[in-house]
Amino acid sequence: MAVSATPPVLSQTSTLESGSLFRSDPLYTSPAESPRLTNSMINSFISGGGGGNGNGTSGNNECKMVEVHGVRVASFNVDGQELICLPQVFDLFLKHLVGGLHTVYTKLKRLDICPVVCTVEQVRVLRGLGAIQPGVNRCKLITRKDFEALYNDCTNARLVVSFLSCFICISTAIPQKQSREGQ
C-alpha cells in the first residue's frame, strides 16, 4: 500500500473523500447540540449497553442508581449484595465532615469495614456515569450498611469536636471564683 509523503491539507471549504482521517463538517453547530449524556442515554448505558464481561451477560457489571440520603448514587449487585461507589458517596456526603479520603480509609480500618475493589469494567461504567473522575482507574465499593456506619462515625466525631470546642470556649469565658481562704 502506497502512503503519501505529504498529509492532506484541510480548510473550511475543502471536501474530503470517504475514508479520510479528518471530518470537514463539525460534529455539532451550537452548545445546545453538544454531546452531553441525557437520561435516556444513561438508562440505556445502565441497562447493559455499557459494559459486559465478554460473553454477552453483564454479571456484576450491571449498575443501577439507588437513593442514599435523598441523592442518587451508583451501585452494583455483587454476590447478592448491593454495593455503592465509595468515592461518590465520599464526594457527596463525607468530604465536608473529614479531612480527606485517607481519613475515611483510616475510619474504615478502625470500623473493620473491608471495601470491595471494583473490576476494570465496573470502573469504566462508573466513569461513564460520572460517578468517578475520568482519570480514575481504581475504585472501591461498600455496602449501604457499612456506609451508614461510616457516615454515623464521621458525623458523631464532628459533633464531639464541636461539643468540646464549645465547652472550652464557655469554660474560658466564665471567670473562676476566688477561694475564700486567700482573703
C-alpha atoms as a PDB file:
ATOM      1  CA  MET A   1       0.000   0.000   0.000  1.00  0.00           C
ATOM      2  CA  ALA A   2       1.430   3.332  -1.043  1.00  0.00           C
ATOM      3  CA  VAL A   3       1.411   6.109   1.529  1.00  0.00           C
ATOM      4  CA  SER A   4       1.537   9.746   0.516  1.00  0.00           C
ATOM      5  CA  ALA A   5       4.560  11.595   1.847  1.00  0.00           C
ATOM      6  CA  THR A   6       2.556  14.762   2.417  1.00  0.00           C
ATOM      7  CA  PRO A   7      -0.562  14.775   4.575  1.00  0.00           C
ATOM      8  CA  PRO A   8      -3.748  16.239   3.112  1.00  0.00           C
ATOM      9  CA  VAL A   9      -4.298  19.934   3.796  1.00  0.00           C
ATOM     10  CA  LEU A  10      -7.724  20.763   5.206  1.00  0.00           C
ATOM     11  CA  SER A  11      -9.557  24.028   5.043  1.00  0.00           C
ATOM     12  CA  GLN A  12     -13.139  25.071   5.771  1.00  0.00           C
ATOM     13  CA  THR A  13     -14.016  24.795   2.072  1.00  0.00           C
ATOM     14  CA  SER A  14     -12.182  21.591   1.208  1.00  0.00           C
ATOM     15  CA  THR A  15     -14.101  18.370   0.847  1.00  0.00           C
ATOM     16  CA  LEU A  16     -12.794  15.018   1.870  1.00  0.00           C
ATOM     17  CA  GLU A  17     -13.220  11.767   0.065  1.00  0.00           C
ATOM     18  CA  SER A  18     -14.644   8.851   2.014  1.00  0.00           C
ATOM     19  CA  GLY A  19     -12.119   7.074   4.140  1.00  0.00           C
ATOM     20  CA  SER A  20     -10.287  10.249   5.127  1.00  0.00           C
ATOM     21  CA  LEU A  21      -8.888  10.641   8.587  1.00  0.00           C
ATOM     22  CA  PHE A  22     -10.494  14.003   9.414  1.00  0.00           C
ATOM     23  CA  ARG A  23     -14.021  15.378   9.237  1.00  0.00           C
ATOM     24  CA  SER A  24     -14.618  18.623   7.403  1.00  0.00           C
ATOM     25  CA  ASP A  25     -18.050  19.233   8.954  1.00  0.00           C
ATOM     26  CA  PRO A  26     -18.363  19.993  12.694  1.00  0.00           C
ATOM     27  CA  LEU A  27     -19.933  17.390  14.939  1.00  0.00           C
ATOM     28  CA  TYR A  28     -22.392  19.968  16.272  1.00  0.00           C
ATOM     29  CA  THR A  29     -23.148  23.584  15.480  1.00  0.00           C
ATOM     30  CA  SER A  30     -24.193  25.006  18.822  1.00  0.00           C
ATOM     31  CA  PRO A  31     -23.553  24.279  22.502  1.00  0.00           C
ATOM     32  CA  ALA A  32     -27.158  23.075  22.810  1.00  0.00           C
ATOM     33  CA  GLU A  33     -26.276  20.223  20.454  1.00  0.00           C
ATOM     34  CA  SER A  34     -23.045  19.318  22.270  1.00  0.00           C
ATOM     35  CA  PRO A  35     -22.622  15.670  23.184  1.00  0.00           C
ATOM     36  CA  ARG A  36     -23.957  15.508  26.735  1.00  0.00           C
ATOM     37  CA  LEU A  37     -25.337  12.444  28.454  1.00  0.00           C
ATOM     38  CA  THR A  38     -29.121  12.530  28.522  1.00  0.00           C
ATOM     39  CA  ASN A  39     -31.322  10.492  30.856  1.00  0.00           C
ATOM     40  CA  SER A  40     -32.191   8.077  28.043  1.00  0.00           C
ATOM     41  CA  MET A  41     -28.501   7.591  27.228  1.00  0.00           C
ATOM     42  CA  ILE A  42     -27.703   6.932  30.891  1.00  0.00           C
ATOM     43  CA  ASN A  43     -30.579   4.469  31.239  1.00  0.00           C
ATOM     44  CA  SER A  44     -29.516   2.557  28.125  1.00  0.00           C
ATOM     45  CA  PHE A  45     -25.924   2.519  29.423  1.00  0.00           C
ATOM     46  CA  ILE A  46     -27.035   1.222  32.815  1.00  0.00           C
ATOM     47  CA  SER A  47     -29.320  -1.445  31.367  1.00  0.00           C
ATOM     48  CA  GLY A  48     -26.426  -3.262  29.771  1.00  0.00           C
ATOM     49  CA  GLY A  49     -25.304  -1.257  26.783  1.00  0.00           C
ATOM     50  CA  GLY A  50     -22.144  -0.033  28.511  1.00  0.00           C
ATOM     51  CA  GLY A  51     -20.219  -2.977  29.703  1.00  0.00           C
ATOM     52  CA  GLY A  52     -20.238  -6.699  29.998  1.00  0.00           C
ATOM     53  CA  ASN A  53     -17.853  -9.469  30.688  1.00  0.00           C
ATOM     54  CA  GLY A  54     -17.352 -10.556  27.091  1.00  0.00           C
ATOM     55  CA  ASN A  55     -19.818 -13.427  26.979  1.00  0.00           C
ATOM     56  CA  GLY A  56     -22.997 -11.442  26.427  1.00  0.00           C
ATOM     57  CA  THR A  57     -24.036 -11.182  30.068  1.00  0.00           C
ATOM     58  CA  SER A  58     -23.388  -8.230  32.304  1.00  0.00           C
ATOM     59  CA  GLY A  59     -22.765 -10.203  35.527  1.00  0.00           C
ATOM     60  CA  ASN A  60     -21.501  -7.917  38.300  1.00  0.00           C
ATOM     61  CA  ASN A  61     -21.171  -5.005  35.878  1.00  0.00           C
ATOM     62  CA  GLU A  62     -24.843  -4.125  35.850  1.00  0.00           C
ATOM     63  CA  CYS A  63     -25.077  -0.760  37.502  1.00  0.00           C
ATOM     64  CA  LYS A  64     -28.185   0.903  38.833  1.00  0.00           C
ATOM     65  CA  MET A  65     -28.836   4.208  40.519  1.00  0.00           C
ATOM     66  CA  VAL A  66     -30.096   3.945  44.105  1.00  0.00           C
ATOM     67  CA  GLU A  67     -31.130   6.642  46.525  1.00  0.00           C
ATOM     68  CA  VAL A  68     -28.922   7.317  49.545  1.00  0.00           C
ATOM     69  CA  HIS A  69     -29.953  10.169  51.859  1.00  0.00           C
ATOM     70  CA  GLY A  70     -32.121  11.574  49.055  1.00  0.00           C
ATOM     71  CA  VAL A  71     -29.367  11.542  46.396  1.00  0.00           C
ATOM     72  CA  ARG A  72     -28.974   9.015  43.584  1.00  0.00           C
ATOM     73  CA  VAL A  73     -25.681   7.116  43.648  1.00  0.00           C
ATOM     74  CA  ALA A  74     -24.267   4.319  41.517  1.00  0.00           C
ATOM     75  CA  SER A  75     -24.467   0.762  42.835  1.00  0.00           C
ATOM     76  CA  PHE A  76     -23.646  -2.758  41.716  1.00  0.00           C
ATOM     77  CA  ASN A  77     -25.176  -6.028  42.801  1.00  0.00           C
ATOM     78  CA  VAL A  78     -22.219  -8.264  43.672  1.00  0.00           C
ATOM     79  CA  ASP A  79     -22.915 -11.745  45.026  1.00  0.00           C
ATOM     80  CA  GLY A  80     -26.419 -10.703  46.037  1.00  0.00           C
ATOM     81  CA  GLN A  81     -25.261  -7.580  47.916  1.00  0.00           C
ATOM     82  CA  GLU A  82     -25.908  -4.009  46.876  1.00  0.00           C
ATOM     83  CA  LEU A  83     -22.577  -2.170  46.871  1.00  0.00           C
ATOM     84  CA  ILE A  84     -22.335   1.603  46.410  1.00  0.00           C
ATOM     85  CA  CYS A  85     -19.456   3.625  44.993  1.00  0.00           C
ATOM     86  CA  LEU A  86     -17.232   4.807  47.880  1.00  0.00           C
ATOM     87  CA  PRO A  87     -15.595   7.781  46.088  1.00  0.00           C
ATOM     88  CA  GLN A  88     -19.008   9.039  45.001  1.00  0.00           C
ATOM     89  CA  VAL A  89     -20.549   8.911  48.495  1.00  0.00           C
ATOM     90  CA  PHE A  90     -17.350  10.430  49.910  1.00  0.00           C
ATOM     91  CA  ASP A  91     -17.683  13.327  47.481  1.00  0.00           C
ATOM     92  CA  LEU A  92     -21.410  13.759  48.171  1.00  0.00           C
ATOM     93  CA  PHE A  93     -21.610  13.235  51.933  1.00  0.00           C
ATOM     94  CA  LEU A  94     -18.264  12.920  53.709  1.00  0.00           C
ATOM     95  CA  LYS A  95     -15.705  15.337  52.285  1.00  0.00           C
ATOM     96  CA  HIS A  96     -17.049  18.276  54.310  1.00  0.00           C
ATOM     97  CA  LEU A  97     -17.000  16.169  57.500  1.00  0.00           C
ATOM     98  CA  VAL A  98     -13.475  14.706  57.373  1.00  0.00           C
ATOM     99  CA  GLY A  99     -10.033  15.816  56.295  1.00  0.00           C
ATOM    100  CA  GLY A 100      -9.824  13.641  53.203  1.00  0.00           C
ATOM    101  CA  LEU A 101     -10.180  10.210  51.667  1.00  0.00           C
ATOM    102  CA  HIS A 102      -7.180   8.985  53.695  1.00  0.00           C
ATOM    103  CA  THR A 103      -9.145   9.753  56.886  1.00  0.00           C
ATOM    104  CA  VAL A 104     -12.059   7.731  55.509  1.00  0.00           C
ATOM    105  CA  TYR A 105      -9.814   4.723  54.862  1.00  0.00           C
ATOM    106  CA  THR A 106      -8.446   5.018  58.417  1.00  0.00           C
ATOM    107  CA  LYS A 107     -12.000   5.043  59.758  1.00  0.00           C
ATOM    108  CA  LEU A 108     -12.910   2.040  57.581  1.00  0.00           C
ATOM    109  CA  LYS A 109      -9.996   0.116  59.072  1.00  0.00           C
ATOM    110  CA  ARG A 110     -10.968   1.096  62.621  1.00  0.00           C
ATOM    111  CA  LEU A 111     -14.623   0.138  61.983  1.00  0.00           C
ATOM    112  CA  ASP A 112     -13.472  -3.194  60.474  1.00  0.00           C
ATOM    113  CA  ILE A 113     -15.115  -2.413  57.130  1.00  0.00           C
ATOM    114  CA  CYS A 114     -13.491  -4.021  54.095  1.00  0.00           C
ATOM    115  CA  PRO A 115     -14.420  -2.326  50.810  1.00  0.00           C
ATOM    116  CA  VAL A 116     -14.624  -4.389  47.620  1.00  0.00           C
ATOM    117  CA  VAL A 117     -12.256  -3.434  44.794  1.00  0.00           C
ATOM    118  CA  CYS A 118     -14.035  -2.670  41.507  1.00  0.00           C
ATOM    119  CA  THR A 119     -13.297  -4.631  38.370  1.00  0.00           C
ATOM    120  CA  VAL A 120     -11.977  -2.794  35.312  1.00  0.00           C
ATOM    121  CA  GLU A 121     -15.423  -2.988  33.692  1.00  0.00           C
ATOM    122  CA  GLN A 122     -17.118  -1.569  36.802  1.00  0.00           C
ATOM    123  CA  VAL A 123     -14.639   1.341  36.829  1.00  0.00           C
ATOM    124  CA  ARG A 124     -15.461   2.011  33.155  1.00  0.00           C
ATOM    125  CA  VAL A 125     -19.182   2.043  33.918  1.00  0.00           C
ATOM    126  CA  LEU A 126     -18.688   4.410  36.894  1.00  0.00           C
ATOM    127  CA  ARG A 127     -16.543   6.762  34.787  1.00  0.00           C
ATOM    128  CA  GLY A 128     -19.163   6.700  32.035  1.00  0.00           C
ATOM    129  CA  LEU A 129     -21.877   7.661  34.510  1.00  0.00           C
ATOM    130  CA  GLY A 130     -19.786  10.437  36.027  1.00  0.00           C
ATOM    131  CA  ALA A 131     -19.744   8.768  39.463  1.00  0.00           C
ATOM    132  CA  ILE A 132     -15.923   8.981  39.457  1.00  0.00           C
ATOM    133  CA  GLN A 133     -13.488  11.314  37.715  1.00  0.00           C
ATOM    134  CA  PRO A 134     -12.393  10.474  34.138  1.00  0.00           C
ATOM    135  CA  GLY A 135      -8.756   9.808  35.090  1.00  0.00           C
ATOM    136  CA  VAL A 136      -9.561   7.399  37.926  1.00  0.00           C
ATOM    137  CA  ASN A 137      -8.629   3.779  37.234  1.00  0.00           C
ATOM    138  CA  ARG A 138      -9.348   2.226  40.640  1.00  0.00           C
ATOM    139  CA  CYS A 139     -12.411   2.379  42.841  1.00  0.00           C
ATOM    140  CA  LYS A 140     -13.908   0.637  45.860  1.00  0.00           C
ATOM    141  CA  LEU A 141     -17.459  -0.320  46.745  1.00  0.00           C
ATOM    142  CA  ILE A 142     -19.094  -0.664  50.171  1.00  0.00           C
ATOM    143  CA  THR A 143     -22.443  -1.916  51.381  1.00  0.00           C
ATOM    144  CA  ARG A 144     -25.134   0.560  52.317  1.00  0.00           C
ATOM    145  CA  LYS A 145     -24.976  -0.688  55.930  1.00  0.00           C
ATOM    146  CA  ASP A 146     -21.223  -0.062  56.026  1.00  0.00           C
ATOM    147  CA  PHE A 147     -21.723   3.402  54.536  1.00  0.00           C
ATOM    148  CA  GLU A 148     -24.274   4.233  57.252  1.00  0.00           C
ATOM    149  CA  ALA A 149     -21.799   3.109  59.944  1.00  0.00           C
ATOM    150  CA  LEU A 150     -19.067   5.235  58.330  1.00  0.00           C
ATOM    151  CA  TYR A 151     -21.401   8.229  57.954  1.00  0.00           C
ATOM    152  CA  ASN A 152     -22.522   7.984  61.593  1.00  0.00           C
ATOM    153  CA  ASP A 153     -18.897   7.755  62.718  1.00  0.00           C
ATOM    154  CA  CYS A 154     -17.983  10.859  60.705  1.00  0.00           C
ATOM    155  CA  THR A 155     -20.970  12.892  61.913  1.00  0.00           C
ATOM    156  CA  ASN A 156     -20.583  11.801  65.552  1.00  0.00           C
ATOM    157  CA  ALA A 157     -16.868  12.619  65.515  1.00  0.00           C
ATOM    158  CA  ARG A 158     -17.731  16.054  64.186  1.00  0.00           C
ATOM    159  CA  LEU A 159     -20.331  16.543  66.944  1.00  0.00           C
ATOM    160  CA  VAL A 160     -17.829  15.573  69.650  1.00  0.00           C
ATOM    161  CA  VAL A 161     -15.263  18.038  68.287  1.00  0.00           C
ATOM    162  CA  SER A 162     -17.931  20.773  68.128  1.00  0.00           C
ATOM    163  CA  PHE A 163     -19.091  19.996  71.654  1.00  0.00           C
ATOM    164  CA  LEU A 164     -15.551  20.042  73.040  1.00  0.00           C
ATOM    165  CA  SER A 165     -14.685  23.300  71.303  1.00  0.00           C
ATOM    166  CA  CYS A 166     -17.888  24.915  72.634  1.00  0.00           C
ATOM    167  CA  PHE A 167     -17.147  23.589  76.125  1.00  0.00           C
ATOM    168  CA  ILE A 168     -13.621  25.004  76.019  1.00  0.00           C
ATOM    169  CA  CYS A 169     -14.933  28.375  74.803  1.00  0.00           C
ATOM    170  CA  ILE A 170     -17.543  28.538  77.552  1.00  0.00           C
ATOM    171  CA  SER A 171     -15.176  27.420  80.323  1.00  0.00           C
ATOM    172  CA  THR A 172     -12.586  30.030  79.383  1.00  0.00           C
ATOM    173  CA  ALA A 173     -15.220  32.766  79.160  1.00  0.00           C
ATOM    174  CA  ILE A 174     -16.544  32.176  82.699  1.00  0.00           C
ATOM    175  CA  PRO A 175     -14.257  33.686  85.342  1.00  0.00           C
ATOM    176  CA  GLN A 176     -13.197  31.302  88.093  1.00  0.00           C
ATOM    177  CA  LYS A 177     -14.481  32.051  91.615  1.00  0.00           C
ATOM    178  CA  GLN A 178     -11.797  33.110  94.035  1.00  0.00           C
ATOM    179  CA  SER A 179     -11.453  30.874  97.062  1.00  0.00           C
ATOM    180  CA  ARG A 180     -12.239  32.498 100.409  1.00  0.00           C
ATOM    181  CA  GLU A 181      -9.142  31.038 102.033  1.00  0.00           C
ATOM    182  CA  GLY A 182      -6.872  33.526 100.252  1.00  0.00           C
ATOM    183  CA  GLN A 183      -8.786  36.591 101.576  1.00  0.00           C
END
